[in-house]
N, C-alpha and C. Protein backbone atom coordinates (compact mmCIF):
# COMPACT_ATOMS: atom_id res chain seq x y z
N MET A 1 127.16 189.51 228.25
CA MET A 1 128.25 191.00 228.64
C MET A 1 128.78 190.46 229.69
N ASN A 2 130.16 191.00 229.88
CA ASN A 2 130.85 190.71 231.13
C ASN A 2 131.40 191.94 231.21
N THR A 3 130.75 192.80 232.55
CA THR A 3 131.17 194.08 232.87
C THR A 3 132.17 194.14 233.82
N GLN A 4 132.84 193.24 234.24
CA GLN A 4 133.73 193.07 235.51
C GLN A 4 135.07 193.94 235.09
N GLN A 5 135.58 194.40 235.77
CA GLN A 5 136.56 195.68 235.50
C GLN A 5 138.05 194.70 235.64
N LYS A 6 138.86 194.61 234.27
CA LYS A 6 139.75 193.98 234.24
C LYS A 6 140.80 194.29 235.21
N LEU A 7 142.09 193.79 235.47
CA LEU A 7 143.18 193.99 236.79
C LEU A 7 143.81 195.40 235.93
N SER A 8 144.11 195.02 234.46
CA SER A 8 145.03 196.16 233.86
C SER A 8 144.09 197.14 233.58
N THR A 9 142.94 197.40 233.59
CA THR A 9 142.20 198.49 233.07
C THR A 9 141.63 199.74 234.21
N PRO A 10 142.57 200.73 233.92
CA PRO A 10 142.36 201.59 234.94
C PRO A 10 141.03 202.28 235.11
N VAL A 11 140.21 202.81 236.14
CA VAL A 11 138.94 203.18 236.31
C VAL A 11 138.40 203.85 235.36
N LYS A 12 138.93 205.06 235.07
CA LYS A 12 138.20 205.97 233.98
C LYS A 12 137.96 205.09 232.50
N ASP A 13 138.88 203.99 232.17
CA ASP A 13 138.46 203.42 231.03
C ASP A 13 137.35 202.82 230.96
N HIS A 14 137.32 201.81 232.37
CA HIS A 14 136.56 201.01 232.63
C HIS A 14 134.71 201.73 232.82
N MET A 15 135.18 203.28 233.51
CA MET A 15 133.88 203.93 233.41
C MET A 15 133.76 204.45 232.00
N ILE A 16 134.20 204.57 231.03
CA ILE A 16 133.69 204.71 229.82
C ILE A 16 133.12 203.80 228.83
N THR A 17 133.69 202.52 229.10
CA THR A 17 133.25 201.40 228.55
C THR A 17 131.55 200.73 229.17
N LEU A 18 131.44 201.51 230.65
CA LEU A 18 130.13 201.13 231.20
C LEU A 18 129.24 202.14 230.38
N MET A 19 129.59 203.23 230.34
CA MET A 19 128.67 204.66 229.87
C MET A 19 128.23 203.79 228.52
N GLY A 20 129.23 203.23 227.38
CA GLY A 20 128.90 203.11 226.49
C GLY A 20 127.65 201.78 226.24
N TYR A 21 127.74 200.95 227.33
CA TYR A 21 126.53 199.89 227.67
C TYR A 21 125.50 200.41 227.83
N VAL A 22 125.09 201.40 228.87
CA VAL A 22 123.93 202.24 229.19
C VAL A 22 123.27 203.06 227.92
N ILE A 23 124.56 203.39 227.44
CA ILE A 23 123.86 204.27 226.07
C ILE A 23 123.43 203.36 225.22
N GLU A 24 123.79 202.01 224.65
CA GLU A 24 123.53 201.03 224.15
C GLU A 24 122.00 200.48 224.72
N VAL A 25 122.03 200.44 225.62
CA VAL A 25 120.84 199.77 226.69
C VAL A 25 119.85 201.22 225.97
N MET A 26 119.98 202.14 226.29
CA MET A 26 118.99 202.96 225.94
C MET A 26 118.72 203.03 224.92
N ASP A 27 119.66 203.28 224.02
CA ASP A 27 119.01 203.27 222.49
C ASP A 27 118.45 202.32 222.13
N ASN A 28 118.36 201.13 222.51
CA ASN A 28 117.09 199.93 222.32
C ASN A 28 116.04 200.04 223.19
N GLU A 29 115.68 201.55 223.74
CA GLU A 29 114.74 201.59 224.31
C GLU A 29 114.53 201.05 225.79
N ALA A 30 115.34 200.53 226.20
CA ALA A 30 115.27 200.13 227.45
C ALA A 30 115.10 200.87 228.59
N ASN A 31 115.02 201.33 229.86
CA ASN A 31 114.79 202.05 230.51
C ASN A 31 115.41 201.90 231.94
N LEU A 32 117.00 202.15 232.52
CA LEU A 32 117.47 202.06 233.41
C LEU A 32 117.34 203.25 234.47
N ASP A 33 116.73 203.07 235.42
CA ASP A 33 117.13 204.08 236.62
C ASP A 33 118.24 204.18 237.39
N LYS A 34 118.51 205.52 237.66
CA LYS A 34 119.73 206.29 238.22
C LYS A 34 120.24 204.76 239.12
N ASN A 35 119.44 204.23 239.93
CA ASN A 35 120.00 203.40 241.44
C ASN A 35 120.51 202.11 240.50
N THR A 36 119.81 201.65 239.45
CA THR A 36 120.11 200.48 238.76
C THR A 36 121.30 200.51 238.47
N GLN A 37 121.54 201.90 237.42
CA GLN A 37 122.98 202.02 236.74
C GLN A 37 124.18 202.38 237.77
N ILE A 38 123.93 202.95 239.11
CA ILE A 38 124.99 202.90 239.90
C ILE A 38 125.23 201.77 240.57
N GLU A 39 124.14 200.90 240.89
CA GLU A 39 124.44 199.36 241.41
C GLU A 39 125.18 198.40 240.09
N MET A 40 125.17 198.79 238.77
CA MET A 40 125.76 198.22 237.95
C MET A 40 127.21 198.49 238.12
N VAL A 41 127.51 199.92 238.47
CA VAL A 41 129.09 200.30 238.61
C VAL A 41 129.38 199.63 239.47
N PHE A 42 129.00 199.62 240.70
CA PHE A 42 129.55 199.26 242.30
C PHE A 42 129.79 197.70 242.10
N GLU A 43 128.75 196.88 241.36
CA GLU A 43 129.26 195.68 240.95
C GLU A 43 130.37 195.42 240.31
N SER A 44 130.61 196.12 239.31
CA SER A 44 132.00 195.94 238.12
C SER A 44 132.97 196.09 238.58
N LEU A 45 133.35 197.09 239.95
CA LEU A 45 134.37 197.47 240.05
C LEU A 45 135.21 196.21 241.06
N PHE A 46 136.49 196.46 241.26
CA PHE A 46 137.15 195.74 241.96
C PHE A 46 136.31 195.76 243.79
N LYS A 47 136.74 194.59 244.48
CA LYS A 47 136.36 194.70 245.99
C LYS A 47 136.93 195.68 246.49
N VAL A 48 138.48 196.24 246.20
CA VAL A 48 139.11 197.51 246.87
C VAL A 48 137.95 198.68 246.97
N PHE A 49 137.10 198.55 246.07
CA PHE A 49 136.27 200.02 246.53
C PHE A 49 135.08 199.86 246.82
N ALA A 50 134.78 198.57 247.43
CA ALA A 50 133.81 198.37 248.80
C ALA A 50 133.78 199.30 249.86
N SER A 51 134.81 200.14 250.29
CA SER A 51 134.31 201.23 251.49
C SER A 51 133.91 202.71 250.23
N PHE A 52 134.23 202.81 249.29
CA PHE A 52 133.64 203.53 248.50
C PHE A 52 131.84 203.54 248.38
N GLN A 53 131.56 202.30 248.03
CA GLN A 53 130.11 201.97 247.79
C GLN A 53 129.70 202.09 249.23
N ALA A 54 130.20 201.95 250.27
CA ALA A 54 129.44 201.90 251.79
C ALA A 54 129.29 203.19 252.41
N THR A 55 130.27 204.17 251.72
CA THR A 55 130.57 205.71 252.02
C THR A 55 129.04 206.27 250.98
N PHE A 56 129.28 205.92 249.84
CA PHE A 56 128.23 206.26 248.86
C PHE A 56 126.78 206.07 249.71
N ASN A 57 126.54 204.67 250.14
CA ASN A 57 125.40 204.37 250.55
C ASN A 57 124.95 204.99 251.47
N VAL A 58 125.79 205.28 252.81
CA VAL A 58 125.22 206.02 253.90
C VAL A 58 124.79 207.26 253.38
N GLY A 59 125.85 207.82 252.45
CA GLY A 59 125.61 209.47 252.45
C GLY A 59 124.31 209.44 251.79
N ASN A 60 123.58 208.63 251.23
CA ASN A 60 122.22 208.79 250.21
C ASN A 60 121.07 208.25 251.27
N LYS A 61 121.50 208.08 252.67
CA LYS A 61 120.60 207.77 253.50
C LYS A 61 119.99 209.16 254.06
N ASN A 62 118.59 208.92 254.43
CA ASN A 62 117.79 209.92 255.17
C ASN A 62 118.32 209.61 256.96
N LEU A 63 119.16 210.04 257.24
CA LEU A 63 119.86 209.64 258.63
C LEU A 63 118.87 210.15 259.81
N THR A 64 118.53 209.95 260.61
CA THR A 64 118.05 211.04 261.97
C THR A 64 118.26 209.83 262.97
N LEU A 65 118.28 211.06 264.29
CA LEU A 65 118.84 210.10 265.50
C LEU A 65 117.37 209.58 266.18
N TYR A 66 116.29 209.74 265.89
CA TYR A 66 114.78 209.48 266.20
C TYR A 66 113.95 209.06 265.06
N ASN A 67 113.17 208.47 265.66
CA ASN A 67 111.92 208.14 264.59
C ASN A 67 110.67 209.08 264.61
N SER A 68 110.38 209.65 263.65
CA SER A 68 108.97 210.54 264.08
C SER A 68 108.01 209.79 263.66
């Protein structure tokens, strides 16, 4: 299965396709955790979205100025 976004495909349509794949996997009783699903999305998008991925990753870290 190739989930790489095609040049002519809008992000919205690509996401709908990916959602269909995730539903198919869940219908087959496989379990994809949230992080795996997010990683699948990021890996399938064009490299132009790399900054979006970096922002998402930083936003989901528990950052502190010191170690406790």
